[in-house]
Amino acid sequence: MHASPDESAREEVIAAYRAHLHAMTDGDTDVLDDLLDDKFTLTHITGYEQPKAEWLSQMRAGRFVYHGVVEKNVTIDVEGDTARLVGRIVTDATVYGTHADWRLQLTMDYAREGDTWTALRSVATTW
């Protein structure tokens, strides 16, 4: 039995999200660069909306070091070629020298480009 188009899209978005989390913990900014739209922004828990290039540059400089991520739950709404994913994670990270476990909720918007789901933006809040 084949998955429905919506179910296939949901699985593809989850796979893109998990690849994103994996690349963060690997510190693989090249993979993140490929997974994220050129105009991607990350809104931090402080409210600062950071452009993709700046975030990746700061990761390369060691200002954001992700030691591990534990996925707690994820929900996805797919509408055609767009999707919104809400994922709750606990992130073991060092951010600007402060090491902590961060309970984050990521609200991520995706768009399908051909066969690929690309993250357009991510908004991090605490939970």
Protein backbone atom coordinates (compact mmCIF):
# COMPACT_ATOMS: atom_id res chain seq x y z
CA MET A 1 0.00 0.00 0.00
CA HIS A 2 1.38 3.40 -0.99
CA ALA A 3 1.35 6.47 1.23
CA SER A 4 -1.02 9.24 0.26
CA PRO A 5 0.51 12.37 -1.30
CA ASP A 6 -0.08 14.27 1.95
CA GLU A 7 1.51 11.50 4.02
CA SER A 8 4.49 11.34 1.65
CA ALA A 9 4.91 15.12 1.92
CA ARG A 10 4.74 14.91 5.73
CA GLU A 11 7.44 12.23 5.75
CA GLU A 12 9.63 14.30 3.42
CA VAL A 13 9.28 17.40 5.62
CA ILE A 14 10.13 15.39 8.74
CA ALA A 15 13.19 14.00 6.95
CA ALA A 16 14.29 17.55 6.02
CA TYR A 17 13.75 18.70 9.62
CA ARG A 18 15.74 15.80 11.07
CA ALA A 19 18.53 16.40 8.53
CA HIS A 20 18.57 20.02 9.77
CA LEU A 21 18.87 18.92 13.41
CA HIS A 22 21.56 16.38 12.53
CA ALA A 23 23.58 18.98 10.60
CA MET A 24 23.33 21.34 13.59
CA THR A 25 24.77 18.75 15.98
CA ASP A 26 27.44 17.82 13.43
CA GLY A 27 28.30 21.50 13.00
CA ASP A 28 27.93 20.90 9.27
CA THR A 29 27.23 24.37 7.94
CA ASP A 30 27.61 23.19 4.33
CA VAL A 31 24.67 20.79 4.72
CA LEU A 32 22.66 23.47 6.53
CA ASP A 33 23.42 25.89 3.69
CA ASP A 34 21.92 23.36 1.26
CA LEU A 35 18.84 22.65 3.44
CA LEU A 36 17.95 26.30 4.05
CA ASP A 37 16.57 28.81 1.58
CA ASP A 38 18.97 31.66 0.72
CA LYS A 39 16.56 34.06 2.46
CA PHE A 40 16.14 31.78 5.51
CA THR A 41 15.95 33.51 8.88
CA LEU A 42 16.20 32.10 12.39
CA THR A 43 14.32 34.04 15.05
CA HIS A 44 16.00 33.30 18.36
CA ILE A 45 14.31 33.12 21.77
CA THR A 46 15.54 36.67 22.30
CA GLY A 47 13.42 37.80 19.34
CA TYR A 48 16.44 38.54 17.16
CA GLU A 49 15.78 37.56 13.54
CA GLN A 50 19.10 36.32 12.20
CA PRO A 51 19.83 35.88 8.49
CA LYS A 52 21.09 32.48 7.38
CA ALA A 53 24.58 33.67 6.38
CA GLU A 54 25.14 35.31 9.78
CA TRP A 55 23.96 32.25 11.73
CA LEU A 56 26.14 29.88 9.71
CA SER A 57 29.12 32.23 10.07
CA GLN A 58 28.62 32.31 13.83
CA MET A 59 28.39 28.51 13.92
CA ARG A 60 31.69 28.31 12.02
CA ALA A 61 33.22 30.75 14.55
CA GLY A 62 32.09 28.56 17.48
CA ARG A 63 29.49 31.00 18.85
CA PHE A 64 26.75 28.38 18.38
CA VAL A 65 27.86 24.83 19.20
CA TYR A 66 25.14 22.18 19.25
CA HIS A 67 26.28 19.15 21.26
CA GLY A 68 23.06 17.16 20.94
CA VAL A 69 19.35 17.37 20.24
CA VAL A 70 16.59 15.22 21.69
CA GLU A 71 13.36 15.36 19.69
CA LYS A 72 10.30 15.38 21.94
CA ASN A 73 7.45 15.73 19.43
CA VAL A 74 6.62 17.12 16.03
CA THR A 75 3.46 18.17 14.20
CA ILE A 76 3.16 19.10 10.54
CA ASP A 77 0.54 20.80 8.43
CA VAL A 78 1.02 20.45 4.67
CA GLU A 79 -0.88 22.57 2.20
CA GLY A 80 0.16 21.94 -1.38
CA ASP A 81 3.80 22.97 -1.76
CA THR A 82 4.08 24.60 1.67
CA ALA A 83 4.30 23.14 5.14
CA ARG A 84 4.55 24.31 8.72
CA LEU A 85 6.32 22.07 11.19
CA VAL A 86 6.28 22.60 14.94
CA GLY A 87 8.88 20.58 16.78
CA ARG A 88 9.77 20.48 20.43
CA ILE A 89 13.36 19.61 21.21
CA VAL A 90 15.82 19.75 24.06
CA THR A 91 19.07 21.12 22.71
CA ASP A 92 22.37 20.67 24.52
CA ALA A 93 24.22 23.72 23.21
CA THR A 94 26.82 26.34 23.97
CA VAL A 95 25.57 29.73 22.81
CA TYR A 96 27.95 32.68 23.14
CA GLY A 97 29.86 30.74 25.79
CA THR A 98 26.83 29.68 27.86
CA HIS A 99 26.36 25.91 27.97
CA ALA A 100 22.86 24.68 28.80
CA ASP A 101 20.03 22.38 27.86
CA TRP A 102 17.58 24.57 25.95
CA ARG A 103 13.93 23.48 25.76
CA LEU A 104 13.04 24.88 22.36
CA GLN A 105 9.96 24.84 20.21
CA LEU A 106 10.84 25.40 16.56
CA THR A 107 8.12 26.61 14.23
CA MET A 108 9.49 26.07 10.75
CA ASP A 109 8.02 27.01 7.40
CA TYR A 110 8.95 24.91 4.38
CA ALA A 111 8.39 25.15 0.64
CA ARG A 112 8.72 22.36 -1.91
CA GLU A 113 11.09 23.16 -4.73
CA GLY A 114 10.90 20.27 -7.20
CA ASP A 115 11.41 17.16 -5.07
CA THR A 116 13.06 19.01 -2.19
CA TRP A 117 11.55 20.64 0.90
CA THR A 118 13.52 23.74 1.84
CA ALA A 119 13.26 25.58 5.16
CA LEU A 120 12.25 29.22 4.68
CA ARG A 121 12.28 30.34 8.31
CA SER A 122 12.48 29.06 11.85
CA VAL A 123 11.13 30.72 14.99
CA ALA A 124 12.48 29.40 18.28
CA THR A 125 10.55 29.81 21.52
CA THR A 126 10.85 28.07 24.86
CA TRP A 127 8.39 25.56 26.27
